[in-house]
Amino acid sequence: MKKLARDGFTLIIRGMKTLKFLVLSGVLVAVCTGFAVAGSAQGFDVGARYHKQHSEFSGLPYGDGDWTYGAAYEIHDDNALFQLACGFTPELTGKDDLDYGITPELNLLAKDGIYQGGVGILSTYTRDSEGKGDWMDMYWQLVLGLNFPLGKSLSIQANAYYVFENWDALSSFKFDDVEFGGYLGYKF
């Protein structure tokens, strides 16, 4: 066993056990929540988001004019929606030597007619030109938007986003830091 520990093989086995545990836990959660979701409306969205260089949150990799293209899965209730989204930014200009970014996010939005708003948590994975990647710490966003239905199944969303590092940072809110995005949605 000592020989295995020296070459890192034990760490690989432990990692595989952890991965199996996480996969099985995910399947269990999906099955348990699947019955509750079955009666709810669900949707799939595709769209884009326009980023701005943030004046306070200096750790963000986005510069003025960076675009993120993304997809989202939504579960709708009468007065709320739960959104799991992922965006891809092909070019990051806010930090030197970064090639691209991938940003998964989880949003909980209240809705009333065409209006929607809420909060989300997200993180960004960035990769530099040398092939090294790194995850940012989790950060937050406020979302406020409009969701216009186009018939029974389609909709168009227009959202404004304000990202921040921690809740204390909301006191330094500036309208110049607000980002905008739009999505085309299909509800099933």
Protein backbone atom coordinates (compact mmCIF):
# COMPACT_ATOMS: atom_id res chain seq x y z
CA MET A 1 0.00 0.00 0.00
CA LYS A 2 2.88 2.39 0.67
CA LYS A 3 4.16 1.89 -2.85
CA LEU A 4 0.77 2.84 -4.27
CA ALA A 5 0.63 5.96 -2.14
CA ARG A 6 4.02 7.20 -3.39
CA ASP A 7 3.15 7.15 -7.06
CA GLY A 8 -0.26 8.72 -6.60
CA PHE A 9 -2.29 5.65 -7.56
CA THR A 10 -4.19 5.73 -4.27
CA LEU A 11 -5.23 9.31 -4.98
CA ILE A 12 -6.63 8.22 -8.34
CA ILE A 13 -8.68 5.45 -6.70
CA ARG A 14 -10.00 7.84 -4.05
CA GLY A 15 -10.88 10.34 -6.77
CA MET A 16 -12.78 7.66 -8.69
CA LYS A 17 -14.73 6.73 -5.53
CA THR A 18 -15.56 10.37 -4.95
CA LEU A 19 -16.69 10.73 -8.56
CA LYS A 20 -18.91 7.64 -8.27
CA PHE A 21 -20.42 9.00 -5.06
CA LEU A 22 -21.13 12.37 -6.70
CA VAL A 23 -22.67 10.75 -9.79
CA LEU A 24 -24.87 8.46 -7.69
CA SER A 25 -25.92 11.38 -5.48
CA GLY A 26 -26.77 13.40 -8.57
CA VAL A 27 -28.87 10.56 -10.01
CA LEU A 28 -30.70 10.18 -6.69
CA VAL A 29 -31.46 13.90 -6.49
CA ALA A 30 -32.60 13.91 -10.14
CA VAL A 31 -34.96 10.98 -9.58
CA CYS A 32 -36.41 12.50 -6.40
CA THR A 33 -36.96 15.91 -7.98
CA GLY A 34 -38.06 14.47 -11.32
CA PHE A 35 -41.49 13.63 -9.98
CA ALA A 36 -41.99 17.20 -8.73
CA VAL A 37 -40.69 18.67 -12.00
CA ALA A 38 -42.91 16.46 -14.16
CA GLY A 39 -45.95 18.67 -13.51
CA SER A 40 -44.05 21.95 -14.04
CA ALA A 41 -43.43 23.73 -17.30
CA GLN A 42 -39.85 23.43 -18.49
CA GLY A 43 -37.90 25.36 -21.05
CA PHE A 44 -34.66 25.63 -22.97
CA ASP A 45 -33.10 29.00 -23.90
CA VAL A 46 -30.23 30.13 -26.11
CA GLY A 47 -28.83 33.62 -26.24
CA ALA A 48 -26.03 36.06 -25.61
CA ARG A 49 -24.83 38.50 -22.96
CA TYR A 50 -22.89 41.74 -23.42
CA HIS A 51 -20.25 42.39 -20.73
CA LYS A 52 -18.78 45.61 -19.41
CA GLN A 53 -15.54 46.27 -17.54
CA HIS A 54 -16.74 46.35 -13.92
CA SER A 55 -15.60 49.37 -11.92
CA GLU A 56 -15.56 47.67 -8.49
CA PHE A 57 -15.26 43.91 -9.09
CA SER A 58 -11.69 43.82 -10.43
CA GLY A 59 -11.43 40.01 -10.40
CA LEU A 60 -13.80 39.60 -13.35
CA PRO A 61 -12.08 38.59 -16.61
CA TYR A 62 -14.56 40.48 -18.82
CA GLY A 63 -13.79 43.72 -20.59
CA ASP A 64 -16.05 46.20 -22.38
CA GLY A 65 -17.61 44.55 -25.40
CA ASP A 66 -16.94 40.90 -24.49
CA TRP A 67 -19.77 38.56 -25.51
CA THR A 68 -20.89 35.36 -23.81
CA TYR A 69 -23.02 32.88 -25.75
CA GLY A 70 -25.06 30.51 -23.66
CA ALA A 71 -27.80 27.99 -23.13
CA ALA A 72 -30.12 27.55 -20.18
CA TYR A 73 -32.57 24.99 -18.84
CA GLU A 74 -35.53 26.36 -16.89
CA ILE A 75 -38.16 24.93 -14.59
CA HIS A 76 -41.21 27.19 -14.28
CA ASP A 77 -43.69 27.44 -11.45
CA ASP A 78 -46.62 29.85 -11.31
CA ASN A 79 -44.61 32.68 -9.72
CA ALA A 80 -40.98 31.63 -10.08
CA LEU A 81 -38.46 29.98 -12.31
CA PHE A 82 -35.29 28.07 -11.60
CA GLN A 83 -32.61 28.47 -14.29
CA LEU A 84 -29.46 26.42 -14.80
CA ALA A 85 -27.31 28.09 -17.46
CA CYS A 86 -23.83 27.88 -18.95
CA GLY A 87 -22.10 30.50 -21.06
CA PHE A 88 -19.02 30.44 -23.28
CA THR A 89 -16.93 33.57 -23.83
CA PRO A 90 -14.58 33.00 -26.79
CA GLU A 91 -12.46 36.08 -26.08
CA LEU A 92 -11.73 37.71 -22.72
CA THR A 93 -10.28 41.22 -22.85
CA GLY A 94 -10.55 42.18 -19.16
CA LYS A 95 -7.38 40.31 -18.17
CA ASP A 96 -4.15 39.84 -20.10
CA ASP A 97 -3.25 36.44 -21.53
CA LEU A 98 -6.69 34.80 -21.17
CA ASP A 99 -8.11 32.92 -24.13
CA TYR A 100 -11.66 31.98 -23.18
CA GLY A 101 -14.08 31.51 -20.31
CA ILE A 102 -16.87 29.11 -19.35
CA THR A 103 -19.43 30.31 -16.82
CA PRO A 104 -22.01 27.99 -15.24
CA GLU A 105 -24.71 29.80 -13.28
CA LEU A 106 -27.75 29.04 -11.17
CA ASN A 107 -30.54 31.64 -11.00
CA LEU A 108 -33.77 31.82 -9.01
CA LEU A 109 -36.17 34.38 -10.45
CA ALA A 110 -39.60 35.54 -9.32
CA LYS A 111 -41.98 36.31 -12.17
CA ASP A 112 -45.19 38.27 -12.59
CA GLY A 113 -46.65 38.47 -16.07
CA ILE A 114 -43.82 39.53 -18.37
CA TYR A 115 -41.59 40.77 -15.50
CA GLN A 116 -38.92 38.64 -13.87
CA GLY A 117 -36.18 39.30 -11.35
CA GLY A 118 -34.03 37.54 -8.82
CA VAL A 119 -30.58 36.45 -7.83
CA GLY A 120 -28.01 34.04 -9.19
CA ILE A 121 -24.73 32.45 -8.20
CA LEU A 122 -21.99 31.73 -10.73
CA SER A 123 -18.31 31.06 -11.29
CA THR A 124 -16.08 31.42 -14.32
CA TYR A 125 -13.43 29.01 -15.57
CA THR A 126 -10.72 30.79 -17.55
CA ARG A 127 -7.97 29.31 -19.68
CA ASP A 128 -4.81 31.18 -20.64
CA SER A 129 -2.74 30.95 -23.83
CA GLU A 130 -0.36 28.44 -22.20
CA GLY A 131 -3.22 25.99 -21.55
CA LYS A 132 -3.53 26.58 -17.81
CA GLY A 133 -7.04 26.86 -16.43
CA ASP A 134 -8.44 28.16 -13.17
CA TRP A 135 -11.85 28.63 -11.53
CA MET A 136 -12.81 31.95 -9.97
CA ASP A 137 -14.41 32.04 -6.55
CA MET A 138 -18.19 31.98 -6.62
CA TYR A 139 -19.82 35.35 -7.15
CA TRP A 140 -23.36 36.72 -7.36
CA GLN A 141 -25.62 38.51 -9.79
CA LEU A 142 -28.89 40.37 -9.62
CA VAL A 143 -31.15 39.79 -12.62
CA LEU A 144 -34.03 41.99 -13.74
CA GLY A 145 -35.80 41.45 -17.02
CA LEU A 146 -38.76 41.03 -19.31
CA ASN A 147 -40.01 37.76 -20.78
CA PHE A 148 -42.30 38.23 -23.78
CA PRO A 149 -44.28 35.16 -24.89
CA LEU A 150 -44.49 34.47 -28.63
CA GLY A 151 -47.37 32.05 -28.82
CA LYS A 152 -47.63 28.97 -26.60
CA SER A 153 -44.07 27.67 -26.75
CA LEU A 154 -41.67 30.48 -27.69
CA SER A 155 -40.53 33.53 -25.76
CA ILE A 156 -37.95 36.32 -25.93
CA GLN A 157 -36.13 37.47 -22.80
CA ALA A 158 -34.31 40.74 -22.26
CA ASN A 159 -32.37 40.89 -18.99
CA ALA A 160 -30.12 43.29 -17.11
CA TYR A 161 -27.42 41.81 -14.86
CA TYR A 162 -25.42 43.31 -12.04
CA VAL A 163 -22.56 41.10 -10.80
CA PHE A 164 -20.87 41.49 -7.43
CA GLU A 165 -18.34 39.68 -5.26
CA ASN A 166 -20.14 39.78 -1.93
CA TRP A 167 -23.32 41.27 -0.54
CA ASP A 168 -21.50 44.20 1.06
CA ALA A 169 -20.47 45.33 -2.44
CA LEU A 170 -24.07 46.27 -3.30
CA SER A 171 -23.54 49.58 -1.52
CA SER A 172 -21.17 50.61 -4.35
CA PHE A 173 -23.74 49.93 -7.13
CA LYS A 174 -23.17 51.87 -10.35
CA PHE A 175 -25.44 51.83 -13.40
CA ASP A 176 -22.35 51.80 -15.63
CA ASP A 177 -21.60 48.25 -14.42
CA VAL A 178 -24.95 46.79 -15.55
CA GLU A 179 -24.67 44.16 -18.31
CA PHE A 180 -27.38 43.15 -20.78
CA GLY A 181 -28.46 39.89 -22.35
CA GLY A 182 -31.15 38.37 -24.51
CA TYR A 183 -32.47 34.84 -24.89
CA LEU A 184 -34.83 33.00 -27.20
CA GLY A 185 -36.76 30.39 -25.22
CA TYR A 186 -38.75 27.27 -26.00
CA LYS A 187 -41.12 26.00 -23.33
CA PHE A 188 -42.27 22.35 -23.26
